[in-house]
N, C-alpha and C. Protein backbone atom coordinates (compact mmCIF):
# COMPACT_ATOMS: atom_id res chain seq x y z
N MET A 1 2.27 104.69 91.72
CA MET A 1 2.57 105.19 93.07
C MET A 1 3.45 106.45 92.93
N THR A 2 3.39 107.32 93.88
CA THR A 2 4.19 108.51 93.87
C THR A 2 5.64 108.12 93.87
N ASP A 3 6.37 108.64 92.88
CA ASP A 3 7.77 108.18 92.62
C ASP A 3 8.72 108.46 93.81
N TRP A 4 8.51 109.58 94.50
CA TRP A 4 9.44 109.99 95.56
C TRP A 4 9.21 109.24 96.87
N LEU A 5 8.08 108.54 96.94
CA LEU A 5 7.70 107.92 98.24
C LEU A 5 8.65 106.83 98.71
N PRO A 6 9.04 105.86 97.82
CA PRO A 6 9.99 104.84 98.32
C PRO A 6 11.30 105.46 98.84
N GLY A 7 11.77 106.48 98.15
CA GLY A 7 13.03 107.12 98.62
C GLY A 7 12.89 107.76 99.96
N LEU A 8 11.76 108.41 100.16
CA LEU A 8 11.50 109.06 101.44
C LEU A 8 11.45 108.06 102.59
N VAL A 9 10.76 106.93 102.35
CA VAL A 9 10.68 105.90 103.38
C VAL A 9 12.04 105.24 103.61
N ALA A 10 12.77 105.02 102.51
CA ALA A 10 14.09 104.42 102.64
C ALA A 10 15.02 105.32 103.44
N ASP A 11 14.98 106.62 103.20
CA ASP A 11 15.87 107.58 103.85
C ASP A 11 15.53 107.82 105.34
N TRP A 12 14.24 107.90 105.62
CA TRP A 12 13.80 108.32 106.96
C TRP A 12 13.16 107.16 107.77
N GLY A 13 12.84 106.08 107.11
CA GLY A 13 12.36 104.90 107.78
C GLY A 13 11.13 105.07 108.65
N VAL A 14 11.17 104.57 109.81
CA VAL A 14 10.02 104.51 110.71
C VAL A 14 9.57 105.92 111.11
N ALA A 15 10.47 106.87 111.19
CA ALA A 15 10.14 108.21 111.60
C ALA A 15 9.11 108.86 110.61
N VAL A 16 9.33 108.70 109.32
CA VAL A 16 8.44 109.28 108.33
C VAL A 16 7.11 108.55 108.35
N ILE A 17 7.11 107.26 108.59
CA ILE A 17 5.87 106.48 108.69
C ILE A 17 5.05 106.98 109.89
N ALA A 18 5.64 107.14 111.02
CA ALA A 18 4.93 107.60 112.21
C ALA A 18 4.42 109.01 112.03
N LEU A 19 5.23 109.90 111.47
CA LEU A 19 4.83 111.28 111.24
C LEU A 19 3.66 111.33 110.25
N THR A 20 3.66 110.52 109.23
CA THR A 20 2.59 110.56 108.22
C THR A 20 1.30 110.04 108.79
N THR A 21 1.31 108.99 109.57
CA THR A 21 0.02 108.50 110.13
C THR A 21 -0.48 109.51 111.14
N PHE A 22 0.44 110.17 111.88
CA PHE A 22 0.01 111.18 112.83
C PHE A 22 -0.70 112.32 112.13
N LEU A 23 -0.11 112.86 111.08
CA LEU A 23 -0.70 114.00 110.34
C LEU A 23 -2.00 113.63 109.64
N SER A 24 -2.08 112.39 109.17
CA SER A 24 -3.29 111.96 108.49
C SER A 24 -4.52 111.96 109.42
N CYS A 25 -4.25 111.70 110.71
CA CYS A 25 -5.35 111.69 111.69
C CYS A 25 -5.78 113.08 112.08
N LEU A 26 -5.09 114.09 111.57
CA LEU A 26 -5.51 115.52 111.79
C LEU A 26 -6.09 116.09 110.50
N ALA A 27 -6.46 115.22 109.57
CA ALA A 27 -7.11 115.62 108.32
C ALA A 27 -6.17 116.35 107.36
N LEU A 28 -4.88 116.16 107.52
CA LEU A 28 -3.92 116.75 106.58
C LEU A 28 -3.72 115.82 105.40
N PRO A 29 -3.61 116.33 104.20
CA PRO A 29 -3.57 115.51 102.99
C PRO A 29 -2.21 114.85 102.77
N VAL A 30 -1.96 113.80 103.52
CA VAL A 30 -0.68 113.09 103.35
C VAL A 30 -1.05 111.64 103.05
N PRO A 31 -0.17 110.94 102.26
CA PRO A 31 -0.49 109.59 101.77
C PRO A 31 -0.17 108.51 102.79
N ALA A 32 -0.87 108.50 103.89
CA ALA A 32 -0.56 107.54 104.99
C ALA A 32 -0.63 106.09 104.55
N SER A 33 -1.71 105.75 103.83
CA SER A 33 -1.87 104.36 103.39
C SER A 33 -0.72 103.96 102.48
N LEU A 34 -0.31 104.79 101.53
CA LEU A 34 0.77 104.47 100.65
C LEU A 34 2.10 104.37 101.40
N VAL A 35 2.29 105.23 102.41
CA VAL A 35 3.52 105.13 103.21
C VAL A 35 3.57 103.84 103.95
N MET A 36 2.43 103.38 104.50
CA MET A 36 2.43 102.11 105.23
C MET A 36 2.63 100.94 104.27
N LEU A 37 2.04 101.01 103.08
CA LEU A 37 2.30 99.95 102.08
C LEU A 37 3.77 99.91 101.75
N THR A 38 4.39 101.07 101.54
CA THR A 38 5.81 101.10 101.21
C THR A 38 6.64 100.59 102.38
N GLY A 39 6.29 100.96 103.60
CA GLY A 39 7.02 100.44 104.75
C GLY A 39 6.91 98.93 104.84
N GLY A 40 5.71 98.43 104.56
CA GLY A 40 5.48 96.96 104.56
C GLY A 40 6.36 96.30 103.51
N ALA A 41 6.45 96.92 102.34
CA ALA A 41 7.29 96.33 101.28
C ALA A 41 8.74 96.28 101.70
N PHE A 42 9.22 97.33 102.40
CA PHE A 42 10.64 97.30 102.84
C PHE A 42 10.88 96.26 103.91
N THR A 43 9.85 95.87 104.63
CA THR A 43 10.03 94.75 105.61
C THR A 43 10.24 93.42 104.87
N ALA A 44 9.63 93.32 103.70
CA ALA A 44 9.82 92.08 102.92
C ALA A 44 11.22 91.93 102.37
N THR A 45 11.84 93.04 102.08
CA THR A 45 13.22 93.01 101.54
C THR A 45 14.28 93.02 102.68
N GLY A 46 13.82 93.23 103.91
CA GLY A 46 14.74 93.22 105.02
C GLY A 46 15.36 94.59 105.34
N ASP A 47 14.93 95.60 104.61
CA ASP A 47 15.47 96.95 104.86
C ASP A 47 14.94 97.59 106.13
N LEU A 48 13.71 97.22 106.50
CA LEU A 48 13.13 97.69 107.74
C LEU A 48 12.56 96.49 108.52
N ALA A 49 12.50 96.63 109.84
CA ALA A 49 11.94 95.55 110.69
C ALA A 49 10.43 95.66 110.75
N LEU A 50 9.75 94.57 110.59
CA LEU A 50 8.28 94.56 110.57
C LEU A 50 7.75 95.16 111.88
N TRP A 51 8.29 94.74 113.02
CA TRP A 51 7.74 95.24 114.30
C TRP A 51 7.93 96.78 114.40
N ALA A 52 9.04 97.32 113.89
CA ALA A 52 9.30 98.73 113.98
C ALA A 52 8.35 99.53 113.10
N VAL A 53 8.11 99.04 111.86
CA VAL A 53 7.17 99.70 110.98
C VAL A 53 5.80 99.73 111.55
N ALA A 54 5.33 98.56 112.02
CA ALA A 54 3.98 98.46 112.61
C ALA A 54 3.86 99.33 113.84
N ALA A 55 4.85 99.28 114.73
CA ALA A 55 4.80 100.08 115.96
C ALA A 55 4.83 101.58 115.64
N GLY A 56 5.66 101.96 114.72
CA GLY A 56 5.77 103.35 114.34
C GLY A 56 4.44 103.89 113.73
N ALA A 57 3.90 103.13 112.82
CA ALA A 57 2.61 103.52 112.20
C ALA A 57 1.51 103.60 113.24
N LEU A 58 1.46 102.62 114.15
CA LEU A 58 0.42 102.60 115.15
C LEU A 58 0.59 103.75 116.16
N ALA A 59 1.81 103.99 116.60
CA ALA A 59 2.09 105.08 117.53
C ALA A 59 1.65 106.45 116.95
N GLY A 60 2.03 106.68 115.68
CA GLY A 60 1.65 107.92 115.01
C GLY A 60 0.17 108.08 114.91
N ALA A 61 -0.51 107.03 114.56
CA ALA A 61 -1.98 107.08 114.37
C ALA A 61 -2.68 107.35 115.68
N VAL A 62 -2.27 106.63 116.74
CA VAL A 62 -2.92 106.74 118.04
C VAL A 62 -2.67 108.17 118.63
N LEU A 63 -1.46 108.67 118.47
CA LEU A 63 -1.17 110.05 118.95
C LEU A 63 -1.94 111.09 118.14
N GLY A 64 -2.07 110.85 116.84
CA GLY A 64 -2.86 111.74 116.00
C GLY A 64 -4.34 111.75 116.44
N ASP A 65 -4.86 110.59 116.70
CA ASP A 65 -6.25 110.47 117.20
C ASP A 65 -6.44 111.27 118.48
N GLN A 66 -5.47 111.13 119.37
CA GLN A 66 -5.59 111.80 120.66
C GLN A 66 -5.46 113.31 120.47
N ALA A 67 -4.63 113.76 119.55
CA ALA A 67 -4.52 115.21 119.28
C ALA A 67 -5.83 115.75 118.70
N GLY A 68 -6.41 115.02 117.77
CA GLY A 68 -7.70 115.41 117.19
C GLY A 68 -8.82 115.45 118.23
N TYR A 69 -8.86 114.40 119.05
CA TYR A 69 -9.84 114.40 120.13
C TYR A 69 -9.69 115.58 121.07
N SER A 70 -8.47 115.87 121.50
CA SER A 70 -8.20 116.98 122.40
C SER A 70 -8.55 118.29 121.77
N LEU A 71 -8.29 118.44 120.47
CA LEU A 71 -8.67 119.69 119.77
C LEU A 71 -10.19 119.87 119.80
N GLY A 72 -10.89 118.78 119.52
CA GLY A 72 -12.36 118.86 119.53
C GLY A 72 -12.92 119.15 120.93
N TRP A 73 -12.27 118.57 121.93
CA TRP A 73 -12.76 118.76 123.31
C TRP A 73 -12.53 120.17 123.80
N ARG A 74 -11.36 120.73 123.44
CA ARG A 74 -11.02 122.04 123.95
C ARG A 74 -11.53 123.21 123.07
N ALA A 75 -11.61 122.96 121.78
CA ALA A 75 -11.96 124.08 120.88
C ALA A 75 -13.01 123.78 119.84
N GLY A 76 -13.81 122.74 120.14
CA GLY A 76 -14.84 122.32 119.18
C GLY A 76 -15.79 123.44 118.82
N ALA A 77 -16.27 124.18 119.77
CA ALA A 77 -17.22 125.26 119.52
C ALA A 77 -16.56 126.39 118.72
N ALA A 78 -15.32 126.67 118.99
CA ALA A 78 -14.62 127.74 118.27
C ALA A 78 -14.31 127.34 116.84
N LEU A 79 -14.04 126.06 116.62
CA LEU A 79 -13.72 125.55 115.28
C LEU A 79 -14.93 125.42 114.38
N ALA A 80 -16.09 125.22 114.94
CA ALA A 80 -17.30 124.97 114.16
C ALA A 80 -17.56 125.99 113.04
N PRO A 81 -17.51 127.30 113.35
CA PRO A 81 -17.75 128.26 112.28
C PRO A 81 -16.72 128.20 111.15
N ARG A 82 -15.46 127.96 111.47
CA ARG A 82 -14.46 127.82 110.45
C ARG A 82 -14.67 126.61 109.56
N ILE A 83 -15.06 125.49 110.21
CA ILE A 83 -15.32 124.29 109.43
C ILE A 83 -16.54 124.49 108.56
N ALA A 84 -17.57 125.14 109.11
CA ALA A 84 -18.82 125.32 108.38
C ALA A 84 -18.66 126.22 107.14
N ALA A 85 -17.57 127.01 107.14
CA ALA A 85 -17.34 127.92 106.01
C ALA A 85 -16.92 127.15 104.78
N LYS A 86 -16.46 125.91 104.92
CA LYS A 86 -16.12 125.07 103.75
C LYS A 86 -17.06 123.91 103.70
N PRO A 87 -17.94 123.84 102.67
CA PRO A 87 -18.99 122.86 102.62
C PRO A 87 -18.51 121.41 102.70
N ARG A 88 -17.40 121.05 102.09
CA ARG A 88 -16.94 119.66 102.16
C ARG A 88 -16.57 119.30 103.61
N ARG A 89 -15.86 120.18 104.28
CA ARG A 89 -15.47 119.88 105.63
C ARG A 89 -16.70 119.87 106.56
N ALA A 90 -17.63 120.76 106.34
CA ALA A 90 -18.86 120.77 107.13
C ALA A 90 -19.63 119.49 106.95
N ALA A 91 -19.70 119.01 105.72
CA ALA A 91 -20.43 117.76 105.44
C ALA A 91 -19.72 116.59 106.09
N ALA A 92 -18.39 116.56 106.03
CA ALA A 92 -17.63 115.49 106.67
C ALA A 92 -17.83 115.47 108.18
N LEU A 93 -17.81 116.65 108.79
CA LEU A 93 -18.02 116.74 110.24
C LEU A 93 -19.42 116.33 110.61
N ALA A 94 -20.39 116.71 109.78
CA ALA A 94 -21.81 116.29 110.07
C ALA A 94 -21.95 114.78 110.00
N ARG A 95 -21.31 114.15 109.03
CA ARG A 95 -21.36 112.68 108.92
C ARG A 95 -20.67 112.05 110.14
N ALA A 96 -19.55 112.63 110.55
CA ALA A 96 -18.83 112.12 111.70
C ALA A 96 -19.67 112.22 112.96
N ARG A 97 -20.35 113.33 113.17
CA ARG A 97 -21.25 113.48 114.32
C ARG A 97 -22.32 112.43 114.29
N GLY A 98 -22.88 112.22 113.09
CA GLY A 98 -23.95 111.19 112.97
C GLY A 98 -23.43 109.81 113.32
N LEU A 99 -22.21 109.50 112.89
CA LEU A 99 -21.62 108.22 113.20
C LEU A 99 -21.41 108.04 114.68
N ILE A 100 -20.97 109.09 115.38
CA ILE A 100 -20.77 109.01 116.81
C ILE A 100 -22.08 108.86 117.53
N GLU A 101 -23.10 109.65 117.12
CA GLU A 101 -24.43 109.59 117.75
C GLU A 101 -25.07 108.21 117.56
N GLU A 102 -24.95 107.64 116.35
CA GLU A 102 -25.65 106.37 116.09
C GLU A 102 -24.86 105.14 116.62
N ARG A 103 -23.53 105.22 116.50
CA ARG A 103 -22.70 104.02 116.79
C ARG A 103 -21.83 104.15 118.04
N GLY A 104 -21.63 105.34 118.51
CA GLY A 104 -20.77 105.51 119.70
C GLY A 104 -19.32 105.03 119.46
N GLY A 105 -18.85 104.19 120.37
CA GLY A 105 -17.49 103.69 120.27
C GLY A 105 -17.29 102.87 118.99
N ALA A 106 -18.26 102.14 118.58
CA ALA A 106 -18.16 101.37 117.32
C ALA A 106 -17.95 102.28 116.14
N GLY A 107 -18.51 103.46 116.18
CA GLY A 107 -18.31 104.42 115.10
C GLY A 107 -16.86 104.89 115.06
N VAL A 108 -16.25 105.06 116.21
CA VAL A 108 -14.82 105.39 116.27
C VAL A 108 -14.00 104.26 115.68
N PHE A 109 -14.33 103.01 116.07
CA PHE A 109 -13.61 101.85 115.56
C PHE A 109 -13.66 101.71 114.05
N PHE A 110 -14.83 101.80 113.48
CA PHE A 110 -14.99 101.63 112.04
C PHE A 110 -14.38 102.82 111.23
N SER A 111 -14.34 103.99 111.84
CA SER A 111 -13.77 105.13 111.15
C SER A 111 -12.26 105.11 111.09
N ARG A 112 -11.66 104.16 111.78
CA ARG A 112 -10.19 104.04 111.74
C ARG A 112 -9.75 103.34 110.46
N TRP A 113 -10.57 102.34 110.00
CA TRP A 113 -10.11 101.52 108.88
C TRP A 113 -11.15 101.29 107.80
N LEU A 114 -12.45 101.16 108.14
CA LEU A 114 -13.43 100.85 107.16
C LEU A 114 -13.86 102.09 106.41
N VAL A 115 -14.06 103.19 107.08
CA VAL A 115 -14.37 104.50 106.44
C VAL A 115 -13.35 105.49 106.93
N SER A 116 -12.06 105.24 106.66
CA SER A 116 -11.00 106.01 107.23
C SER A 116 -11.00 107.49 106.81
N PRO A 117 -11.57 107.88 105.66
CA PRO A 117 -11.62 109.35 105.36
C PRO A 117 -12.38 110.13 106.43
N LEU A 118 -13.31 109.45 107.15
CA LEU A 118 -14.06 110.19 108.19
C LEU A 118 -13.33 110.20 109.53
N GLY A 119 -12.23 109.43 109.66
CA GLY A 119 -11.50 109.28 110.92
C GLY A 119 -11.14 110.57 111.60
N PRO A 120 -10.44 111.50 110.90
CA PRO A 120 -10.08 112.75 111.55
C PRO A 120 -11.27 113.58 112.05
N TRP A 121 -12.36 113.52 111.31
CA TRP A 121 -13.53 114.28 111.69
C TRP A 121 -14.23 113.61 112.86
N VAL A 122 -14.18 112.29 112.95
CA VAL A 122 -14.72 111.57 114.08
C VAL A 122 -13.93 111.92 115.35
N ASN A 123 -12.61 112.07 115.21
CA ASN A 123 -11.80 112.48 116.36
C ASN A 123 -12.31 113.81 116.92
N LEU A 124 -12.50 114.79 116.05
CA LEU A 124 -13.00 116.10 116.47
C LEU A 124 -14.39 116.00 117.09
N ALA A 125 -15.25 115.25 116.41
CA ALA A 125 -16.65 115.10 116.85
C ALA A 125 -16.73 114.42 118.20
N ALA A 126 -15.89 113.39 118.39
CA ALA A 126 -15.91 112.66 119.69
C ALA A 126 -15.43 113.61 120.82
N GLY A 127 -14.40 114.39 120.56
CA GLY A 127 -13.93 115.32 121.56
C GLY A 127 -14.96 116.37 121.89
N ALA A 128 -15.57 116.96 120.83
CA ALA A 128 -16.56 117.98 121.05
C ALA A 128 -17.80 117.46 121.76
N ALA A 129 -18.14 116.18 121.51
CA ALA A 129 -19.25 115.57 122.19
C ALA A 129 -18.91 115.07 123.60
N GLU A 130 -17.65 115.25 123.97
CA GLU A 130 -17.18 114.86 125.29
C GLU A 130 -17.35 113.37 125.56
N MET A 131 -17.11 112.57 124.51
CA MET A 131 -17.07 111.14 124.76
C MET A 131 -15.94 110.88 125.76
N HIS A 132 -16.14 109.91 126.63
CA HIS A 132 -15.13 109.60 127.63
C HIS A 132 -13.81 109.22 126.94
N ARG A 133 -12.73 109.85 127.36
CA ARG A 133 -11.46 109.63 126.69
C ARG A 133 -11.00 108.18 126.70
N GLY A 134 -11.24 107.51 127.81
CA GLY A 134 -10.87 106.12 127.91
C GLY A 134 -11.62 105.24 126.87
N ARG A 135 -12.91 105.53 126.75
CA ARG A 135 -13.70 104.78 125.79
C ARG A 135 -13.25 105.09 124.36
N PHE A 136 -13.01 106.36 124.08
CA PHE A 136 -12.52 106.76 122.77
C PHE A 136 -11.20 106.08 122.47
N THR A 137 -10.29 106.10 123.42
CA THR A 137 -8.94 105.52 123.22
C THR A 137 -9.02 104.04 122.95
N LEU A 138 -9.87 103.30 123.71
CA LEU A 138 -9.97 101.87 123.50
C LEU A 138 -10.40 101.52 122.08
N TRP A 139 -11.47 102.18 121.61
CA TRP A 139 -11.95 101.94 120.25
C TRP A 139 -11.01 102.44 119.22
N SER A 140 -10.36 103.56 119.47
CA SER A 140 -9.38 104.11 118.54
C SER A 140 -8.20 103.19 118.34
N VAL A 141 -7.64 102.69 119.41
CA VAL A 141 -6.45 101.80 119.33
C VAL A 141 -6.85 100.51 118.62
N ALA A 142 -8.01 99.96 118.95
CA ALA A 142 -8.47 98.71 118.30
C ALA A 142 -8.59 98.90 116.78
N GLY A 143 -9.19 100.01 116.38
CA GLY A 143 -9.38 100.29 114.98
C GLY A 143 -8.06 100.54 114.27
N GLU A 144 -7.17 101.27 114.90
CA GLU A 144 -5.88 101.59 114.30
C GLU A 144 -5.03 100.33 114.09
N ILE A 145 -5.13 99.40 115.03
CA ILE A 145 -4.40 98.14 114.88
C ILE A 145 -4.82 97.46 113.56
N ILE A 146 -6.08 97.44 113.29
CA ILE A 146 -6.57 96.83 112.05
C ILE A 146 -6.09 97.61 110.85
N TRP A 147 -6.19 98.92 110.88
CA TRP A 147 -5.74 99.79 109.78
C TRP A 147 -4.28 99.55 109.46
N VAL A 148 -3.44 99.56 110.48
CA VAL A 148 -2.00 99.33 110.30
C VAL A 148 -1.73 97.95 109.79
N ALA A 149 -2.40 96.94 110.38
CA ALA A 149 -2.15 95.56 109.95
C ALA A 149 -2.52 95.33 108.49
N ILE A 150 -3.63 95.94 108.04
CA ILE A 150 -4.04 95.80 106.65
C ILE A 150 -3.02 96.35 105.69
N TYR A 151 -2.60 97.58 105.91
CA TYR A 151 -1.71 98.23 104.92
C TYR A 151 -0.28 97.78 105.02
N VAL A 152 0.25 97.64 106.24
CA VAL A 152 1.62 97.10 106.33
C VAL A 152 1.63 95.68 105.87
N GLY A 153 0.61 94.91 106.21
CA GLY A 153 0.54 93.47 105.74
C GLY A 153 0.46 93.38 104.26
N LEU A 154 -0.37 94.18 103.63
CA LEU A 154 -0.47 94.15 102.15
C LEU A 154 0.86 94.54 101.50
N GLY A 155 1.50 95.53 102.06
CA GLY A 155 2.79 95.95 101.50
C GLY A 155 3.83 94.88 101.60
N ARG A 156 3.83 94.15 102.70
CA ARG A 156 4.80 93.07 102.90
C ARG A 156 4.46 91.88 102.02
N ALA A 157 3.20 91.52 101.93
CA ALA A 157 2.79 90.34 101.19
C ALA A 157 2.93 90.54 99.67
N PHE A 158 2.68 91.76 99.23
CA PHE A 158 2.68 91.96 97.77
C PHE A 158 3.72 93.02 97.36
N ALA A 159 4.94 92.92 97.96
CA ALA A 159 5.96 93.93 97.73
C ALA A 159 6.33 94.03 96.26
N GLU A 160 6.28 92.94 95.53
CA GLU A 160 6.61 92.98 94.12
C GLU A 160 5.59 93.69 93.27
N TYR A 161 4.36 93.76 93.79
CA TYR A 161 3.28 94.35 93.00
C TYR A 161 2.71 95.56 93.74
N LEU A 162 3.61 96.35 94.37
CA LEU A 162 3.16 97.46 95.23
C LEU A 162 2.35 98.50 94.51
N ASP A 163 2.70 98.83 93.29
CA ASP A 163 1.95 99.83 92.56
C ASP A 163 0.49 99.42 92.34
N ALA A 164 0.32 98.15 91.93
CA ALA A 164 -1.03 97.67 91.69
C ALA A 164 -1.85 97.58 93.02
N VAL A 165 -1.20 97.11 94.06
CA VAL A 165 -1.89 97.01 95.35
C VAL A 165 -2.33 98.41 95.85
N ALA A 166 -1.44 99.40 95.70
CA ALA A 166 -1.74 100.77 96.13
C ALA A 166 -2.94 101.31 95.37
N GLU A 167 -3.01 101.08 94.07
CA GLU A 167 -4.11 101.57 93.26
C GLU A 167 -5.43 100.87 93.67
N ILE A 168 -5.41 99.57 93.86
CA ILE A 168 -6.57 98.85 94.23
C ILE A 168 -7.05 99.28 95.61
N ALA A 169 -6.13 99.42 96.56
CA ALA A 169 -6.47 99.83 97.91
C ALA A 169 -7.15 101.18 97.94
N ALA A 170 -6.63 102.11 97.10
CA ALA A 170 -7.24 103.47 97.05
C ALA A 170 -8.65 103.39 96.45
N ASP A 171 -8.80 102.55 95.43
CA ASP A 171 -10.12 102.42 94.80
C ASP A 171 -11.13 101.84 95.77
N VAL A 172 -10.75 100.77 96.46
CA VAL A 172 -11.65 100.11 97.40
C VAL A 172 -12.05 101.05 98.55
N SER A 173 -11.04 101.78 99.08
CA SER A 173 -11.31 102.71 100.16
C SER A 173 -12.34 103.77 99.71
N GLY A 174 -12.14 104.28 98.49
CA GLY A 174 -13.09 105.29 97.95
C GLY A 174 -14.50 104.70 97.77
N ILE A 175 -14.57 103.49 97.27
CA ILE A 175 -15.86 102.85 97.04
C ILE A 175 -16.61 102.64 98.38
N ILE A 176 -15.86 102.16 99.38
CA ILE A 176 -16.49 101.92 100.69
C ILE A 176 -16.99 103.21 101.31
N ALA A 177 -16.12 104.26 101.26
CA ALA A 177 -16.51 105.55 101.78
C ALA A 177 -17.72 106.12 101.10
N GLY A 178 -17.78 105.99 99.77
CA GLY A 178 -18.94 106.46 99.03
C GLY A 178 -20.20 105.70 99.36
N ALA A 179 -20.06 104.35 99.57
CA ALA A 179 -21.23 103.58 99.89
C ALA A 179 -21.77 103.94 101.28
N VAL A 180 -20.85 104.18 102.24
CA VAL A 180 -21.29 104.56 103.58
C VAL A 180 -22.05 105.88 103.57
N VAL A 181 -21.50 106.82 102.81
CA VAL A 181 -22.14 108.16 102.71
C VAL A 181 -23.51 108.02 102.07
N ALA A 182 -23.62 107.22 101.01
CA ALA A 182 -24.90 107.02 100.33
C ALA A 182 -25.91 106.37 101.26
N ILE A 183 -25.51 105.37 102.00
CA ILE A 183 -26.38 104.70 102.96
C ILE A 183 -26.83 105.66 104.06
N GLY A 184 -25.87 106.45 104.55
CA GLY A 184 -26.20 107.43 105.58
C GLY A 184 -27.23 108.46 105.12
N LEU A 185 -27.02 108.94 103.91
CA LEU A 185 -27.99 109.90 103.35
C LEU A 185 -29.38 109.27 103.15
N GLY A 186 -29.36 108.03 102.71
CA GLY A 186 -30.62 107.30 102.53
C GLY A 186 -31.36 107.13 103.83
N LEU A 187 -30.67 106.78 104.90
CA LEU A 187 -31.31 106.60 106.21
C LEU A 187 -31.82 107.96 106.75
N TRP A 188 -31.05 109.02 106.51
CA TRP A 188 -31.48 110.36 106.93
C TRP A 188 -32.74 110.76 106.22
N LEU A 189 -32.78 110.52 104.88
CA LEU A 189 -33.93 110.85 104.08
C LEU A 189 -35.16 110.07 104.52
N ARG A 190 -35.00 108.81 104.78
CA ARG A 190 -36.10 107.97 105.23
C ARG A 190 -36.66 108.50 106.58
N ALA A 191 -35.74 108.85 107.52
CA ALA A 191 -36.18 109.36 108.79
C ALA A 191 -36.91 110.68 108.61
N ALA A 192 -36.43 111.55 107.72
CA ALA A 192 -37.11 112.86 107.48
C ALA A 192 -38.46 112.63 106.88
N LEU A 193 -38.61 111.69 106.00
CA LEU A 193 -39.96 111.44 105.38
C LEU A 193 -40.91 110.88 106.44
N ARG A 194 -40.42 110.05 107.31
CA ARG A 194 -41.27 109.52 108.36
C ARG A 194 -41.77 110.61 109.30
N ARG A 195 -40.83 111.57 109.64
CA ARG A 195 -41.25 112.67 110.46
C ARG A 195 -42.34 113.51 109.84
N ASP A 196 -42.15 113.73 108.54
CA ASP A 196 -43.17 114.51 107.78
C ASP A 196 -44.51 113.86 107.76
N GLN A 197 -44.50 112.51 107.59
CA GLN A 197 -45.75 111.78 107.60
C GLN A 197 -46.45 111.79 108.95
N ARG A 198 -45.66 111.76 110.02
CA ARG A 198 -46.27 111.83 111.37
C ARG A 198 -46.91 113.19 111.62
N ARG A 199 -46.26 114.24 111.10
CA ARG A 199 -46.82 115.57 111.31
C ARG A 199 -48.18 115.73 110.57
N LYS A 200 -48.30 115.04 109.44
CA LYS A 200 -49.55 115.15 108.69
C LYS A 200 -50.66 114.34 109.39
């Protein structure tokens, strides 16, 4: 685990947890999952209150989702060329759009915790697609509750083995995200082949 992280959480407590989850929902490279694990571990030792850590993490995540949605709603068209200039970001946004088109609100829900690397891009895509804000918020909050519960809960339950839990959690998240991308590409390829066959 990053050596400076426990000290940062110990010094700033819930504020740094909320800020980190907020920034992570805007696609900024911050270790939100590790921060929540660390916060959960501090609740096991009594240094932080469980309700405060969970509430702070959830508030930051929900506000970050709303900021990303608003950005997509107001400036989605203007942002598209800038995002397209970087292939990785363009690919992530394309996958997020596909998830919204295929799954709607459920796509928002699963992108909070099951395929969380797509979460910030789903926020933008949902806003740009003008998904109803109430619907977006409902699915967003439901998914973020699970995300926060998983990481804060793991941190609290396995405080003594936090380094190992953090490494496993990162590996599992990467495997799930990779599997979802592979399945999505497979479905897209199958649909493209079917279209080609119909044209013939």
